[in-house]
Amino acid sequence: MSDRPRRGWTTYVEQTPAEIMSDMPPDLAKAVTNFLVSLALEAGAAVDADRPPPGDPMDDLGVRYGLQVPGEPVLFEYTVYREIREIRIPVLVWLG
């Protein structure tokens, strides 16, 4: 095992969800961005502890999950990439 510390978890928002976020009012876009950054930390901690990450499972592999940003009209799906310590947002729906 390496003595080098593992890096933290990151969030990657794919192109279409990023375009949707850029069309949001600035306060909503900021709230969604902050939520997604926090989610990377929370989901990563869960995965590191061999627990399921937050959200509703969207597959049987433990890779794809669905969530709503609390208090906001935004639903999204995310995928977990354990080997690179990243969550990706391939689907985001703004109901506004």
C-alpha atoms as a PDB file:
ATOM      1  CA  MET A   1       0.000   0.000   0.000  1.00  0.00           C
ATOM      2  CA  SER A   2       1.256   3.462  -0.845  1.00  0.00           C
ATOM      3  CA  ASP A   3       2.095   6.005   1.855  1.00  0.00           C
ATOM      4  CA  ARG A   4       0.711   8.698  -0.423  1.00  0.00           C
ATOM      5  CA  PRO A   5      -2.707   9.969   0.756  1.00  0.00           C
ATOM      6  CA  ARG A   6      -5.678   9.385  -1.536  1.00  0.00           C
ATOM      7  CA  ARG A   7      -7.084  12.484  -3.152  1.00  0.00           C
ATOM      8  CA  GLY A   8     -10.638  13.600  -2.460  1.00  0.00           C
ATOM      9  CA  TRP A   9     -13.687  12.965  -4.582  1.00  0.00           C
ATOM     10  CA  THR A  10     -14.665  15.306  -7.409  1.00  0.00           C
ATOM     11  CA  THR A  11     -17.779  16.076  -9.441  1.00  0.00           C
ATOM     12  CA  TYR A  12     -17.809  16.233 -13.231  1.00  0.00           C
ATOM     13  CA  VAL A  13     -20.883  17.717 -14.924  1.00  0.00           C
ATOM     14  CA  GLU A  14     -21.302  16.555 -18.518  1.00  0.00           C
ATOM     15  CA  GLN A  15     -22.023  19.027 -21.334  1.00  0.00           C
ATOM     16  CA  THR A  16     -25.834  18.904 -21.545  1.00  0.00           C
ATOM     17  CA  PRO A  17     -26.381  19.223 -17.772  1.00  0.00           C
ATOM     18  CA  ALA A  18     -23.810  22.043 -17.683  1.00  0.00           C
ATOM     19  CA  GLU A  19     -25.733  23.881 -20.409  1.00  0.00           C
ATOM     20  CA  ILE A  20     -28.964  23.482 -18.438  1.00  0.00           C
ATOM     21  CA  MET A  21     -27.254  24.867 -15.338  1.00  0.00           C
ATOM     22  CA  SER A  22     -25.941  27.847 -17.313  1.00  0.00           C
ATOM     23  CA  ASP A  23     -29.550  28.700 -18.271  1.00  0.00           C
ATOM     24  CA  MET A  24     -30.678  28.763 -14.624  1.00  0.00           C
ATOM     25  CA  PRO A  25     -31.046  31.956 -12.596  1.00  0.00           C
ATOM     26  CA  PRO A  26     -27.697  32.640 -10.859  1.00  0.00           C
ATOM     27  CA  ASP A  27     -28.968  31.816  -7.354  1.00  0.00           C
ATOM     28  CA  LEU A  28     -30.352  28.464  -8.479  1.00  0.00           C
ATOM     29  CA  ALA A  29     -27.211  27.614 -10.451  1.00  0.00           C
ATOM     30  CA  LYS A  30     -25.113  28.393  -7.366  1.00  0.00           C
ATOM     31  CA  ALA A  31     -27.338  26.253  -5.133  1.00  0.00           C
ATOM     32  CA  VAL A  32     -27.134  23.328  -7.566  1.00  0.00           C
ATOM     33  CA  THR A  33     -23.353  23.690  -7.920  1.00  0.00           C
ATOM     34  CA  ASN A  34     -22.866  23.778  -4.145  1.00  0.00           C
ATOM     35  CA  PHE A  35     -25.095  20.715  -3.745  1.00  0.00           C
ATOM     36  CA  LEU A  36     -23.160  18.751  -6.375  1.00  0.00           C
ATOM     37  CA  VAL A  37     -19.813  19.626  -4.779  1.00  0.00           C
ATOM     38  CA  SER A  38     -21.103  18.534  -1.364  1.00  0.00           C
ATOM     39  CA  LEU A  39     -22.517  15.371  -2.912  1.00  0.00           C
ATOM     40  CA  ALA A  40     -19.074  14.338  -4.131  1.00  0.00           C
ATOM     41  CA  LEU A  41     -17.797  14.505  -0.552  1.00  0.00           C
ATOM     42  CA  GLU A  42     -20.806  12.665   0.890  1.00  0.00           C
ATOM     43  CA  ALA A  43     -21.035  10.007  -1.823  1.00  0.00           C
ATOM     44  CA  GLY A  44     -17.277   9.504  -1.777  1.00  0.00           C
ATOM     45  CA  ALA A  45     -17.235   9.035   1.998  1.00  0.00           C
ATOM     46  CA  ALA A  46     -20.039   6.480   1.708  1.00  0.00           C
ATOM     47  CA  VAL A  47     -18.250   4.562  -1.064  1.00  0.00           C
ATOM     48  CA  ASP A  48     -14.966   4.647   0.868  1.00  0.00           C
ATOM     49  CA  ALA A  49     -16.820   3.149   3.868  1.00  0.00           C
ATOM     50  CA  ASP A  50     -18.455   0.458   1.689  1.00  0.00           C
ATOM     51  CA  ARG A  51     -21.906   1.994   2.185  1.00  0.00           C
ATOM     52  CA  PRO A  52     -24.337   2.944  -0.569  1.00  0.00           C
ATOM     53  CA  PRO A  53     -24.115   6.581  -1.655  1.00  0.00           C
ATOM     54  CA  PRO A  54     -27.128   8.899  -1.311  1.00  0.00           C
ATOM     55  CA  GLY A  55     -30.047   8.692  -3.696  1.00  0.00           C
ATOM     56  CA  ASP A  56     -32.222   6.099  -5.328  1.00  0.00           C
ATOM     57  CA  PRO A  57     -30.352   3.274  -7.086  1.00  0.00           C
ATOM     58  CA  MET A  58     -30.967   3.390 -10.846  1.00  0.00           C
ATOM     59  CA  ASP A  59     -29.206   0.102 -11.670  1.00  0.00           C
ATOM     60  CA  ASP A  60     -28.245  -3.204 -10.056  1.00  0.00           C
ATOM     61  CA  LEU A  61     -24.512  -2.486 -10.220  1.00  0.00           C
ATOM     62  CA  GLY A  62     -24.351   0.253  -7.584  1.00  0.00           C
ATOM     63  CA  VAL A  63     -23.089   2.778 -10.108  1.00  0.00           C
ATOM     64  CA  ARG A  64     -26.050   5.031 -11.064  1.00  0.00           C
ATOM     65  CA  TYR A  65     -28.203   6.979  -8.599  1.00  0.00           C
ATOM     66  CA  GLY A  66     -30.977   9.562  -8.812  1.00  0.00           C
ATOM     67  CA  LEU A  67     -31.600  12.549  -6.520  1.00  0.00           C
ATOM     68  CA  GLN A  68     -33.442  15.835  -6.261  1.00  0.00           C
ATOM     69  CA  VAL A  69     -31.693  18.972  -5.054  1.00  0.00           C
ATOM     70  CA  PRO A  70     -33.534  19.611  -1.750  1.00  0.00           C
ATOM     71  CA  GLY A  71     -35.991  22.494  -1.992  1.00  0.00           C
ATOM     72  CA  GLU A  72     -35.237  23.110  -5.691  1.00  0.00           C
ATOM     73  CA  PRO A  73     -36.975  22.022  -8.913  1.00  0.00           C
ATOM     74  CA  VAL A  74     -33.911  20.077 -10.072  1.00  0.00           C
ATOM     75  CA  LEU A  75     -33.612  16.307 -10.527  1.00  0.00           C
ATOM     76  CA  PHE A  76     -30.435  14.573 -11.645  1.00  0.00           C
ATOM     77  CA  GLU A  77     -28.717  11.257 -12.057  1.00  0.00           C
ATOM     78  CA  TYR A  78     -25.128  10.609 -11.118  1.00  0.00           C
ATOM     79  CA  THR A  79     -22.687   7.792 -11.670  1.00  0.00           C
ATOM     80  CA  VAL A  80     -19.917   6.691  -9.326  1.00  0.00           C
ATOM     81  CA  TYR A  81     -16.403   6.057 -10.633  1.00  0.00           C
ATOM     82  CA  ARG A  82     -14.574   4.516  -7.685  1.00  0.00           C
ATOM     83  CA  GLU A  83     -11.269   4.001  -9.493  1.00  0.00           C
ATOM     84  CA  ILE A  84     -10.836   7.723 -10.211  1.00  0.00           C
ATOM     85  CA  ARG A  85     -12.779   8.950  -7.131  1.00  0.00           C
ATOM     86  CA  GLU A  86     -15.295  10.913  -9.151  1.00  0.00           C
ATOM     87  CA  ILE A  87     -19.029  11.287  -9.553  1.00  0.00           C
ATOM     88  CA  ARG A  88     -20.391  12.353 -12.928  1.00  0.00           C
ATOM     89  CA  ILE A  89     -23.648  14.077 -13.720  1.00  0.00           C
ATOM     90  CA  PRO A  90     -24.914  12.756 -17.095  1.00  0.00           C
ATOM     91  CA  VAL A  91     -28.574  13.761 -16.638  1.00  0.00           C
ATOM     92  CA  LEU A  92     -30.027  16.911 -15.057  1.00  0.00           C
ATOM     93  CA  VAL A  93     -33.619  18.114 -15.344  1.00  0.00           C
ATOM     94  CA  TRP A  94     -34.689  21.610 -14.335  1.00  0.00           C
ATOM     95  CA  LEU A  95     -38.440  21.703 -13.797  1.00  0.00           C
ATOM     96  CA  GLY A  96     -38.546  25.503 -13.759  1.00  0.00           C
END
